[in-house]
Amino acid sequence: MRLLAAIHRWLGALAAVLVLVLAGSGALLLFADDYYRWRLPELRGQATDPAISATAIATVAKAVGTGGGTIAMPTTTLPAFIRYLPDGGRALHAADDGHLIAEWTVWQSLPGFAFDAHAHLLAGEPGHWLVGVVGASLILMLLSGLWLWWPRRRQLALRQWLPRRSTSAALLRSHVAQGVLISLGIAFMGFSGIALVFDGAAQSSLNALFGKHGPDRPDPIRISTIGPSTPIDWAKTLNSTKAAFPEAALRMIRLPSAPGQPLQLRLRQPQELHPNGRTYLLLDPRNGRTLQRIDATRLGLGPQLYNSLYPLHAGKTGWTGHRLSLLVIAVVLSWVSFSGLWLFVRRQRRRIANAEKRRAIAPVPVAYRSFWYRGVPMPTDTTYAAIQQGLTDWQREAEESMRATGSGAVPGPSSGIPEHVRAFLDQKLSQAQSLYWVGEYFAQAQQMAKYPPGFESPHPAFLAYRGPGIAAQDHVQSHLFDFQCPQCGSSEQVVVLASEWGVSIQNGDARGTFAAKCSPCKRAFSGGFED
């Protein structure tokens, strides 16, 4: 469990910034068409359901030139032709006559920049591959987080999704609760994102599992170049499209980039969820003759499932509630990533500070052996004198306490030290690596002497403490997290009655158990903690 928690923390810390970039850019892309309508006033006067005219297509195709290119048709959400530029930029043309409205590069448009950040992390093809790796990391973090949450689901209740304070405990509860609440959304976005990045493997897997009938992409057809070259008759092209698929809507046109290449049309049928459709029609650009047709509704379940991933991932189903739900997932995922990174940084800073304290007093190779603190590294006579002074002070305080209470024997360094305290010091001081830990051992030994035998370490590599509620609550609530009553949910008035905890010598991690009582509802409960 500790190894899984460490993997979850480190993997989350490494991927948190990239997850924030993907979630933030994805949220912006949900409203890309709305942004264009707000940014370009000319689009507001266009018809919400523009009819595609052959004249407008011819005007936009003329702007493409002879080098080939892709044109997207107007839609109800964005009533304008989109011309995809070779450098990754885009141009918008009016839906009524095809005149140019605006043109920009990737870095000149907020949606264009967001898309490049979301799909490629602004790093081209290597960045696109890295997006898939981040998606896989997101799935691993989700599964490990759910596994770690399940045994502590009563302490980390889902109603704690909103942090009420800025403490590590409140952030941790919010991080866990929000992650669990949107776990299904995170899982789908992660798996669909991986499938869109590694599309070849995803399509092959779905086709093998659910079946596929015929080709789902056009073949590289070459046509004869003999005869005069004539301009494309767009009126005839639209008629051929309507004849081949009467109910389909023309969505994209790919112009030939060289002689001998066909004109490729992409259509969307009413049964298709994909906004651009996956129905293809290849025509001879000279005479409009049909060369190949691919009906996406007859390809089988495998291609249909894969073609549905993009609209579900990008919120392109046409339902406003779908976009809003994806926005909620993006915002919550951003918070989960940020809070996890913040908790990780806090933890590391605390551990580094503790390590610096330990390194401040360098260990020494010389071992000073005495009658009951054998094996303690003793660097100088000054150190030895300091420890002797500490024992003298302990002896004096004990004598004064015993005289005040009328007790008999006086515990001290030379006589009367409880056997369980002596055994603890013999064991722990022989393991000491610096004067810092020597002081810690003596402080704990003094606490042990005040209580009956029974002090024990939950793990050989741990320093342990078992005591009454006051000291336990001070340590637990200041260094670990606030306990919450499982019945009424109160954390402000929970009194820790007793606690047993240990701190690792190697890395400063702490864990243990506690017994507590809730003041408002009078319920007593117990549990474990780990930090």
Protein backbone atom coordinates (compact mmCIF):
# COMPACT_ATOMS: atom_id res chain seq x y z
CA MET A 1 0.00 0.00 0.00
CA ARG A 2 2.84 2.40 0.84
CA LEU A 3 4.53 1.62 -2.46
CA LEU A 4 1.26 2.25 -4.31
CA ALA A 5 0.83 5.56 -2.46
CA ALA A 6 4.37 6.60 -3.40
CA ILE A 7 3.74 5.71 -7.05
CA HIS A 8 0.49 7.68 -6.99
CA ARG A 9 2.20 10.74 -5.51
CA TRP A 10 5.22 10.78 -7.80
CA LEU A 11 3.31 9.93 -10.96
CA GLY A 12 0.78 12.63 -10.15
CA ALA A 13 3.50 15.19 -9.48
CA LEU A 14 5.22 14.44 -12.80
CA ALA A 15 2.02 14.55 -14.84
CA ALA A 16 0.11 17.27 -12.95
CA VAL A 17 1.28 20.22 -15.05
CA LEU A 18 0.57 18.42 -18.33
CA VAL A 19 -2.86 17.33 -17.09
CA LEU A 20 -3.59 20.96 -16.21
CA VAL A 21 -2.61 22.00 -19.75
CA LEU A 22 -4.81 19.31 -21.32
CA ALA A 23 -7.80 20.01 -19.07
CA GLY A 24 -7.58 23.78 -19.48
CA SER A 25 -7.13 23.70 -23.26
CA GLY A 26 -9.90 21.12 -23.58
CA ALA A 27 -12.28 23.36 -21.65
CA LEU A 28 -11.49 26.26 -24.01
CA LEU A 29 -12.05 24.11 -27.10
CA LEU A 30 -15.57 23.28 -25.95
CA PHE A 31 -16.52 26.87 -26.76
CA ALA A 32 -14.35 27.48 -29.84
CA ASP A 33 -17.30 28.18 -32.15
CA ASP A 34 -18.85 30.51 -29.57
CA TYR A 35 -15.54 32.35 -29.35
CA TYR A 36 -15.40 32.88 -33.12
CA ARG A 37 -18.96 34.20 -33.19
CA TRP A 38 -18.13 36.62 -30.38
CA ARG A 39 -14.77 37.64 -31.84
CA LEU A 40 -15.95 38.12 -35.44
CA PRO A 41 -19.07 40.31 -35.66
CA GLU A 42 -19.58 39.39 -39.32
CA LEU A 43 -20.50 35.84 -38.32
CA ARG A 44 -23.42 37.07 -36.26
CA GLY A 45 -25.29 38.16 -39.37
CA GLN A 46 -24.94 34.80 -41.10
CA ALA A 47 -27.83 32.36 -41.28
CA THR A 48 -27.89 29.79 -38.50
CA ASP A 49 -28.61 27.03 -41.03
CA PRO A 50 -26.79 28.20 -44.15
CA ALA A 51 -27.43 26.47 -47.45
CA ILE A 52 -24.27 25.45 -49.30
CA SER A 53 -24.07 27.05 -52.72
CA ALA A 54 -21.84 25.96 -55.58
CA THR A 55 -20.76 29.57 -56.17
CA ALA A 56 -19.51 29.99 -52.59
CA ILE A 57 -17.61 26.68 -52.75
CA ALA A 58 -15.97 27.76 -56.00
CA THR A 59 -14.84 31.03 -54.41
CA VAL A 60 -13.27 29.26 -51.43
CA ALA A 61 -11.69 26.59 -53.66
CA LYS A 62 -10.11 29.33 -55.75
CA ALA A 63 -8.48 30.69 -52.59
CA VAL A 64 -7.05 27.25 -51.89
CA GLY A 65 -5.09 27.27 -55.15
CA THR A 66 -3.63 24.39 -57.12
CA GLY A 67 -1.66 22.85 -54.25
CA GLY A 68 -4.67 21.13 -52.76
CA GLY A 69 -6.25 21.61 -49.38
CA THR A 70 -9.26 20.91 -47.19
CA ILE A 71 -12.43 22.95 -46.80
CA ALA A 72 -15.01 22.46 -44.04
CA MET A 73 -18.61 23.38 -44.73
CA PRO A 74 -20.66 25.87 -42.66
CA THR A 75 -22.61 24.53 -39.69
CA THR A 76 -25.30 25.86 -37.38
CA THR A 77 -22.72 26.56 -34.66
CA LEU A 78 -20.18 28.17 -37.01
CA PRO A 79 -21.88 29.60 -40.15
CA ALA A 80 -18.73 29.96 -42.25
CA PHE A 81 -16.43 27.94 -44.50
CA ILE A 82 -13.18 26.88 -42.80
CA ARG A 83 -10.11 26.70 -45.02
CA TYR A 84 -7.23 24.77 -43.48
CA LEU A 85 -3.88 26.40 -44.24
CA PRO A 86 -0.66 24.44 -44.88
CA ASP A 87 1.08 25.95 -41.81
CA GLY A 88 -1.65 24.76 -39.45
CA GLY A 89 -3.59 28.03 -39.46
CA ARG A 90 -7.14 28.56 -40.63
CA ALA A 91 -9.21 31.00 -42.64
CA LEU A 92 -12.94 31.73 -42.40
CA HIS A 93 -15.01 32.51 -45.50
CA ALA A 94 -18.58 33.79 -45.54
CA ALA A 95 -21.24 31.14 -46.02
CA ASP A 96 -23.27 33.16 -48.52
CA ASP A 97 -20.67 34.12 -51.14
CA GLY A 98 -17.34 32.71 -49.89
CA HIS A 99 -15.49 35.99 -49.36
CA LEU A 100 -12.67 36.00 -46.81
CA ILE A 101 -13.63 37.03 -43.27
CA ALA A 102 -10.47 36.32 -41.26
CA GLU A 103 -7.21 34.39 -41.49
CA TRP A 104 -4.72 33.47 -38.77
CA THR A 105 -1.85 31.19 -37.84
CA VAL A 106 -1.87 28.78 -34.90
CA TRP A 107 -0.29 31.36 -32.60
CA GLN A 108 -2.68 34.16 -33.57
CA SER A 109 -5.91 32.49 -32.43
CA LEU A 110 -6.88 31.40 -28.93
CA PRO A 111 -8.78 28.27 -30.11
CA GLY A 112 -5.95 27.42 -32.52
CA PHE A 113 -3.39 27.75 -29.75
CA ALA A 114 -5.60 25.72 -27.40
CA PHE A 115 -6.01 22.95 -29.98
CA ASP A 116 -2.26 22.69 -30.57
CA ALA A 117 -1.68 22.61 -26.82
CA HIS A 118 -4.37 19.97 -26.33
CA ALA A 119 -3.41 17.71 -29.22
CA HIS A 120 0.38 18.22 -29.41
CA LEU A 121 1.42 20.09 -26.24
CA LEU A 122 2.91 22.69 -28.63
CA ALA A 123 5.60 20.12 -29.51
CA GLY A 124 4.49 18.63 -32.83
CA GLU A 125 4.38 14.87 -33.32
CA PRO A 126 6.46 14.04 -30.20
CA GLY A 127 4.02 16.10 -28.18
CA HIS A 128 1.10 14.19 -29.70
CA TRP A 129 2.68 10.94 -28.54
CA LEU A 130 3.30 12.46 -25.10
CA VAL A 131 -0.41 13.30 -24.83
CA GLY A 132 -1.16 9.59 -25.08
CA VAL A 133 1.39 8.83 -22.37
CA VAL A 134 -0.20 11.44 -20.11
CA GLY A 135 -3.59 9.84 -20.74
CA ALA A 136 -2.23 6.45 -19.68
CA SER A 137 -0.69 8.04 -16.58
CA LEU A 138 -4.06 9.59 -15.77
CA ILE A 139 -5.70 6.16 -15.85
CA LEU A 140 -3.01 4.71 -13.57
CA MET A 141 -3.41 7.59 -11.12
CA LEU A 142 -7.19 7.13 -11.11
CA LEU A 143 -6.99 3.39 -10.41
CA SER A 144 -4.34 3.77 -7.71
CA GLY A 145 -6.25 6.63 -6.11
CA LEU A 146 -9.46 4.60 -5.94
CA TRP A 147 -7.54 1.67 -4.47
CA LEU A 148 -6.02 3.88 -1.77
CA TRP A 149 -9.35 5.58 -1.02
CA TRP A 150 -11.49 2.47 -0.60
CA PRO A 151 -10.14 1.31 2.81
CA ARG A 152 -10.45 4.89 4.16
CA ARG A 153 -13.75 5.78 2.51
CA ARG A 154 -15.41 6.47 5.89
CA GLN A 155 -12.76 8.99 6.91
CA LEU A 156 -12.50 10.52 3.43
CA ALA A 157 -16.22 10.94 2.76
CA LEU A 158 -17.45 12.26 -0.57
CA ARG A 159 -19.36 15.10 1.09
CA GLN A 160 -15.99 16.72 1.81
CA TRP A 161 -15.51 17.68 -1.85
CA LEU A 162 -15.39 21.41 -1.07
CA PRO A 163 -12.34 22.44 1.01
CA ARG A 164 -13.36 24.63 3.94
CA ARG A 165 -9.80 25.48 4.94
CA SER A 166 -6.39 25.66 3.30
CA THR A 167 -4.82 22.99 5.48
CA SER A 168 -3.27 19.88 4.00
CA ALA A 169 -6.01 17.79 5.56
CA ALA A 170 -8.80 19.80 3.92
CA LEU A 171 -7.03 19.78 0.56
CA LEU A 172 -6.49 16.04 0.78
CA ARG A 173 -10.16 15.36 1.53
CA SER A 174 -11.25 17.60 -1.33
CA HIS A 175 -8.72 16.02 -3.68
CA VAL A 176 -9.98 12.53 -2.88
CA ALA A 177 -13.70 13.35 -2.88
CA GLN A 178 -13.67 15.22 -6.19
CA GLY A 179 -11.49 12.58 -7.82
CA VAL A 180 -13.90 9.83 -6.80
CA LEU A 181 -17.00 11.79 -7.82
CA ILE A 182 -15.80 12.31 -11.41
CA SER A 183 -13.86 9.06 -11.67
CA LEU A 184 -16.08 7.72 -14.46
CA GLY A 185 -15.67 10.94 -16.45
CA ILE A 186 -11.90 10.89 -15.96
CA ALA A 187 -11.77 7.25 -17.03
CA PHE A 188 -13.71 7.88 -20.23
CA MET A 189 -11.75 11.00 -21.15
CA GLY A 190 -8.49 9.19 -20.49
CA PHE A 191 -9.35 6.07 -22.49
CA SER A 192 -10.89 8.01 -25.38
CA GLY A 193 -7.91 10.37 -25.48
CA ILE A 194 -5.51 7.42 -25.64
CA ALA A 195 -7.58 5.89 -28.45
CA LEU A 196 -7.52 9.14 -30.45
CA VAL A 197 -3.74 9.43 -30.08
CA PHE A 198 -2.90 5.80 -30.82
CA ASP A 199 -5.68 5.53 -33.38
CA GLY A 200 -4.23 2.65 -35.37
CA ALA A 201 -4.03 0.31 -32.39
CA ALA A 202 -7.42 1.45 -31.09
CA GLN A 203 -9.18 0.88 -34.41
CA SER A 204 -7.57 -2.52 -34.89
CA SER A 205 -8.61 -3.59 -31.39
CA LEU A 206 -12.22 -2.47 -31.78
CA ASN A 207 -12.47 -4.00 -35.24
CA ALA A 208 -11.12 -7.30 -33.94
CA LEU A 209 -13.53 -7.32 -31.00
CA PHE A 210 -16.71 -6.09 -32.68
CA GLY A 211 -16.18 -6.71 -36.38
CA LYS A 212 -15.68 -4.62 -39.50
CA HIS A 213 -17.13 -4.86 -43.01
CA GLY A 214 -15.16 -3.40 -45.90
CA PRO A 215 -12.73 -0.46 -46.00
CA ASP A 216 -13.44 2.50 -43.73
CA ARG A 217 -11.05 4.91 -45.47
CA PRO A 218 -10.76 5.77 -49.18
CA ASP A 219 -8.25 3.90 -51.32
CA PRO A 220 -5.38 5.81 -53.00
CA ILE A 221 -7.04 5.92 -56.43
CA ARG A 222 -5.20 7.29 -59.47
CA ILE A 223 -7.23 8.54 -62.43
CA SER A 224 -6.18 9.16 -66.01
CA THR A 225 -4.72 12.56 -66.80
CA ILE A 226 -5.25 12.19 -70.55
CA GLY A 227 -7.40 14.95 -71.99
CA PRO A 228 -7.85 18.62 -71.26
CA SER A 229 -7.96 19.83 -67.65
CA THR A 230 -11.24 21.54 -66.87
CA PRO A 231 -12.35 23.40 -63.72
CA ILE A 232 -14.44 21.46 -61.24
CA ASP A 233 -18.15 21.83 -61.87
CA TRP A 234 -19.35 22.31 -58.30
CA ALA A 235 -23.03 22.25 -59.22
CA LYS A 236 -22.57 18.82 -60.79
CA THR A 237 -20.50 17.73 -57.78
CA LEU A 238 -23.27 18.67 -55.37
CA ASN A 239 -25.82 16.84 -57.52
CA SER A 240 -23.64 13.71 -57.57
CA THR A 241 -23.34 13.89 -53.80
CA LYS A 242 -27.09 14.17 -53.35
CA ALA A 243 -27.67 11.28 -55.73
CA ALA A 244 -25.20 9.00 -53.92
CA PHE A 245 -26.38 9.80 -50.38
CA PRO A 246 -29.72 11.63 -50.46
CA GLU A 247 -29.98 12.18 -46.68
CA ALA A 248 -26.31 12.97 -46.03
CA ALA A 249 -24.94 16.48 -45.45
CA LEU A 250 -21.71 17.53 -47.12
CA ARG A 251 -19.20 18.30 -44.39
CA MET A 252 -15.70 18.49 -45.88
CA ILE A 253 -14.03 18.71 -49.29
CA ARG A 254 -10.46 17.65 -49.97
CA LEU A 255 -9.19 19.14 -53.20
CA PRO A 256 -6.65 17.20 -55.29
CA SER A 257 -3.07 18.38 -54.78
CA ALA A 258 -1.77 17.00 -58.09
CA PRO A 259 -3.15 15.79 -61.45
CA GLY A 260 -4.49 12.26 -61.33
CA GLN A 261 -5.90 12.54 -57.81
CA PRO A 262 -9.65 12.29 -57.12
CA LEU A 263 -11.88 14.81 -55.41
CA GLN A 264 -12.65 13.51 -51.91
CA LEU A 265 -15.93 14.43 -50.22
CA ARG A 266 -16.75 13.68 -46.61
CA LEU A 267 -20.40 13.46 -45.59
CA ARG A 268 -22.42 12.96 -42.45
CA GLN A 269 -25.52 10.81 -42.43
CA PRO A 270 -28.30 11.23 -39.85
CA GLN A 271 -27.27 8.00 -38.07
CA GLU A 272 -23.69 9.19 -37.52
CA LEU A 273 -22.60 10.85 -34.28
CA HIS A 274 -19.36 12.25 -35.66
CA PRO A 275 -19.83 15.97 -36.49
CA ASN A 276 -17.91 15.64 -39.77
CA GLY A 277 -19.18 12.18 -40.60
CA ARG A 278 -17.18 9.20 -41.81
CA THR A 279 -19.03 8.62 -45.07
CA TYR A 280 -16.77 9.17 -48.08
CA LEU A 281 -17.40 9.82 -51.77
CA LEU A 282 -14.57 9.97 -54.31
CA LEU A 283 -15.31 11.71 -57.63
CA ASP A 284 -13.43 12.38 -60.82
CA PRO A 285 -12.84 16.16 -60.67
CA ARG A 286 -13.20 16.49 -64.45
CA ASN A 287 -16.64 14.98 -64.97
CA GLY A 288 -18.07 14.17 -61.51
CA ARG A 289 -17.99 10.40 -62.07
CA THR A 290 -18.20 8.36 -58.88
CA LEU A 291 -14.97 6.43 -58.21
CA GLN A 292 -15.59 5.05 -54.69
CA ARG A 293 -18.19 5.34 -51.97
CA ILE A 294 -17.96 4.32 -48.31
CA ASP A 295 -21.14 4.17 -46.24
CA ALA A 296 -20.15 4.60 -42.58
CA THR A 297 -23.45 3.14 -41.38
CA ARG A 298 -22.62 -0.24 -42.94
CA LEU A 299 -19.05 -0.71 -41.75
CA GLY A 300 -19.89 -2.75 -38.68
CA LEU A 301 -19.88 -2.09 -34.94
CA GLY A 302 -16.10 -1.72 -34.60
CA PRO A 303 -15.70 1.35 -36.85
CA GLN A 304 -18.94 2.86 -35.53
CA LEU A 305 -17.68 2.66 -31.94
CA TYR A 306 -14.37 4.27 -32.84
CA ASN A 307 -16.06 7.00 -34.88
CA SER A 308 -18.16 7.85 -31.80
CA LEU A 309 -15.14 8.46 -29.56
CA TYR A 310 -14.21 11.87 -30.98
CA PRO A 311 -17.63 13.56 -30.63
CA LEU A 312 -18.04 12.16 -27.12
CA HIS A 313 -14.53 13.27 -26.13
CA ALA A 314 -14.83 16.74 -27.71
CA GLY A 315 -18.45 17.51 -26.82
CA LYS A 316 -19.53 17.54 -30.49
CA THR A 317 -22.82 15.70 -30.06
CA GLY A 318 -24.93 18.85 -30.40
CA TRP A 319 -26.34 18.59 -26.87
CA THR A 320 -25.55 21.55 -24.60
CA GLY A 321 -25.70 19.39 -21.48
CA HIS A 322 -22.92 17.25 -22.87
CA ARG A 323 -20.64 20.24 -23.25
CA LEU A 324 -21.45 21.48 -19.76
CA SER A 325 -20.73 18.07 -18.23
CA LEU A 326 -17.35 17.97 -19.99
CA LEU A 327 -16.66 21.48 -18.70
CA VAL A 328 -17.35 20.29 -15.14
CA ILE A 329 -15.02 17.33 -15.66
CA ALA A 330 -12.28 19.63 -16.99
CA VAL A 331 -12.60 22.09 -14.10
CA VAL A 332 -12.67 19.38 -11.43
CA LEU A 333 -9.78 17.54 -13.06
CA SER A 334 -7.79 20.78 -13.01
CA TRP A 335 -8.49 21.20 -9.30
CA VAL A 336 -7.61 17.57 -8.54
CA SER A 337 -4.30 17.97 -10.40
CA PHE A 338 -3.51 21.29 -8.71
CA SER A 339 -4.40 20.12 -5.21
CA GLY A 340 -2.42 16.91 -5.66
CA LEU A 341 0.63 18.85 -6.81
CA TRP A 342 0.24 21.32 -3.94
CA LEU A 343 0.05 18.50 -1.39
CA PHE A 344 3.09 16.83 -2.93
CA VAL A 345 5.14 20.04 -2.76
CA ARG A 346 4.12 20.64 0.85
CA ARG A 347 5.10 17.11 1.77
CA GLN A 348 8.47 17.33 0.03
CA ARG A 349 9.26 20.69 1.60
CA ARG A 350 8.50 19.29 5.05
CA ARG A 351 10.68 16.25 4.44
CA ILE A 352 13.53 18.37 3.08
CA ALA A 353 13.34 20.61 6.14
CA ASN A 354 13.53 17.59 8.44
CA ALA A 355 16.45 16.19 6.48
CA GLU A 356 18.31 19.49 6.77
CA LYS A 357 17.84 19.42 10.53
CA ARG A 358 19.31 15.94 10.68
CA ARG A 359 22.24 16.89 8.46
CA ALA A 360 22.95 19.99 10.53
CA ILE A 361 24.67 17.73 13.10
CA ALA A 362 26.97 15.43 11.16
CA PRO A 363 27.28 11.80 12.31
CA VAL A 364 30.62 10.63 13.65
CA PRO A 365 32.28 7.25 13.33
CA VAL A 366 33.44 7.09 16.98
CA ALA A 367 31.18 5.04 19.25
CA TYR A 368 31.19 5.81 22.96
CA ARG A 369 30.15 2.85 25.11
CA SER A 370 28.67 3.26 28.55
CA PHE A 371 26.74 1.17 31.01
CA TRP A 372 23.29 1.87 29.53
CA TYR A 373 23.54 3.96 26.37
CA ARG A 374 25.92 1.73 24.45
CA GLY A 375 26.72 2.45 20.82
CA VAL A 376 25.81 6.15 20.78
CA PRO A 377 28.05 8.06 18.32
CA MET A 378 29.91 10.56 20.47
CA PRO A 379 31.73 13.18 18.36
CA THR A 380 33.37 15.27 21.09
CA ASP A 381 33.60 15.70 24.83
CA THR A 382 31.21 18.63 24.46
CA THR A 383 28.52 16.32 23.11
CA TYR A 384 29.11 13.86 25.92
CA ALA A 385 28.85 16.65 28.48
CA ALA A 386 25.58 17.83 26.92
CA ILE A 387 24.02 14.39 27.26
CA GLN A 388 25.28 14.04 30.81
CA GLN A 389 23.75 17.42 31.62
CA GLY A 390 20.46 16.24 30.17
CA LEU A 391 20.53 13.17 32.40
CA THR A 392 21.37 15.33 35.41
CA ASP A 393 18.43 17.62 34.69
CA TRP A 394 16.17 14.60 34.35
CA GLN A 395 17.41 13.24 37.66
CA ARG A 396 16.84 16.59 39.43
CA GLU A 397 13.32 17.01 38.02
CA ALA A 398 12.43 13.47 39.00
CA GLU A 399 13.71 13.96 42.54
CA GLU A 400 11.73 17.17 42.96
CA SER A 401 8.60 15.50 41.61
CA MET A 402 8.99 12.50 43.88
CA ARG A 403 9.58 14.67 46.97
CA ALA A 404 6.48 16.72 46.14
CA THR A 405 4.32 13.61 45.80
CA GLY A 406 5.94 11.70 48.63
CA SER A 407 7.05 8.86 46.38
CA GLY A 408 9.87 6.53 47.32
CA ALA A 409 12.55 5.57 44.82
CA VAL A 410 13.82 8.22 42.45
CA PRO A 411 14.35 7.13 38.79
CA GLY A 412 17.53 8.44 37.22
CA PRO A 413 20.54 7.61 35.08
CA SER A 414 22.32 5.57 37.74
CA SER A 415 19.44 3.77 39.40
CA GLY A 416 15.75 3.30 39.22
CA ILE A 417 15.39 3.63 35.42
CA PRO A 418 12.44 1.46 34.36
CA GLU A 419 13.49 -1.63 32.50
CA HIS A 420 11.33 -0.86 29.47
CA VAL A 421 12.94 2.60 29.25
CA ARG A 422 16.42 1.14 29.55
CA ALA A 423 15.67 -1.43 26.83
CA PHE A 424 14.32 1.28 24.57
CA LEU A 425 17.44 3.42 24.98
CA ASP A 426 19.76 0.46 24.49
CA GLN A 427 18.03 -0.36 21.22
CA LYS A 428 17.43 3.10 19.81
CA LEU A 429 20.65 4.83 20.82
CA SER A 430 22.66 2.11 19.16
CA GLN A 431 20.88 3.02 15.92
CA ALA A 432 21.39 6.77 16.27
CA GLN A 433 23.01 8.51 13.34
CA SER A 434 23.25 12.05 14.73
CA LEU A 435 22.84 14.09 17.85
CA TYR A 436 19.42 15.21 16.56
CA TRP A 437 18.02 11.72 17.01
CA VAL A 438 19.81 11.26 20.34
CA GLY A 439 17.81 14.19 21.68
CA GLU A 440 14.63 12.71 20.25
CA TYR A 441 15.31 9.38 22.01
CA PHE A 442 15.93 11.00 25.38
CA ALA A 443 12.77 13.09 25.07
CA GLN A 444 10.75 9.97 24.34
CA ALA A 445 12.44 8.07 27.16
CA GLN A 446 11.35 10.75 29.61
CA GLN A 447 7.78 10.40 28.36
CA MET A 448 7.99 6.62 28.72
CA ALA A 449 9.13 6.87 32.32
CA LYS A 450 5.87 8.61 33.23
CA TYR A 451 3.64 5.74 32.09
CA PRO A 452 3.43 2.02 32.74
CA PRO A 453 5.38 -0.43 30.59
CA GLY A 454 3.88 -1.16 27.20
CA PHE A 455 5.73 1.23 24.96
CA GLU A 456 6.59 -0.55 21.75
CA SER A 457 7.53 0.29 18.18
CA PRO A 458 5.00 -0.61 15.45
CA HIS A 459 7.92 -1.19 13.08
CA PRO A 460 11.67 -1.73 13.72
CA ALA A 461 12.53 1.27 11.57
CA PHE A 462 10.08 3.52 13.34
CA LEU A 463 10.19 5.70 16.41
CA ALA A 464 6.96 5.09 18.27
CA TYR A 465 4.85 6.97 20.78
CA ARG A 466 1.93 5.83 22.87
CA GLY A 467 0.40 8.29 25.27
CA PRO A 468 -2.62 10.25 26.44
CA GLY A 469 -4.84 12.37 24.32
CA ILE A 470 -3.33 15.83 24.79
CA ALA A 471 0.10 15.07 23.36
CA ALA A 472 -1.38 12.75 20.78
CA GLN A 473 -3.86 15.30 19.51
CA ASP A 474 -1.23 18.04 19.34
CA HIS A 475 0.98 15.91 17.16
CA VAL A 476 -1.66 14.27 15.03
CA GLN A 477 -3.65 17.40 14.22
CA SER A 478 -0.59 19.57 13.56
CA HIS A 479 1.39 17.14 11.45
CA LEU A 480 -1.04 14.68 9.89
CA PHE A 481 -4.69 15.55 9.29
CA ASP A 482 -7.81 16.50 11.17
CA PHE A 483 -9.98 13.61 12.26
CA GLN A 484 -13.64 13.69 11.32
CA CYS A 485 -16.52 12.06 13.11
CA PRO A 486 -18.04 9.36 10.85
CA GLN A 487 -21.53 10.04 12.25
CA CYS A 488 -22.00 13.82 12.28
CA GLY A 489 -19.04 14.85 10.13
CA SER A 490 -17.62 17.28 12.69
CA SER A 491 -13.86 17.80 12.71
CA GLU A 492 -13.64 20.95 14.83
CA GLN A 493 -14.66 19.33 18.16
CA VAL A 494 -13.14 15.86 17.90
CA VAL A 495 -10.92 15.04 20.89
CA VAL A 496 -8.18 12.45 20.35
CA LEU A 497 -8.19 10.29 23.49
CA ALA A 498 -5.11 8.23 22.68
CA SER A 499 -2.77 7.65 19.79
CA GLU A 500 0.07 5.39 18.80
CA TRP A 501 2.20 6.65 15.96
CA GLY A 502 5.61 6.15 14.46
CA VAL A 503 7.96 8.29 12.39
CA SER A 504 10.30 6.59 9.93
CA ILE A 505 13.98 7.26 10.51
CA GLN A 506 14.69 6.94 6.79
CA ASN A 507 12.17 9.29 5.19
CA GLY A 508 10.12 11.00 7.88
CA ASP A 509 6.83 9.24 7.00
CA ALA A 510 4.38 8.79 9.85
CA ARG A 511 1.61 6.29 10.51
CA GLY A 512 -0.34 4.92 13.42
CA THR A 513 -3.73 4.49 15.06
CA PHE A 514 -5.94 6.70 17.20
CA ALA A 515 -8.95 6.63 19.48
CA ALA A 516 -11.16 9.71 19.57
CA LYS A 517 -14.48 11.05 20.81
CA CYS A 518 -16.78 13.55 19.11
CA SER A 519 -18.00 16.25 21.51
CA PRO A 520 -21.24 17.19 19.65
CA CYS A 521 -22.66 13.68 19.18
CA LYS A 522 -20.72 11.93 22.01
CA ARG A 523 -19.63 9.12 19.71
CA ALA A 524 -16.33 7.33 20.29
CA PHE A 525 -14.49 5.98 17.28
CA SER A 526 -11.05 4.84 16.22
CA GLY A 527 -9.06 4.51 13.03
CA GLY A 528 -5.67 4.71 11.42
CA PHE A 529 -3.69 7.42 9.74
CA GLU A 530 -0.75 7.58 7.39
CA ASP A 531 1.25 10.52 6.11
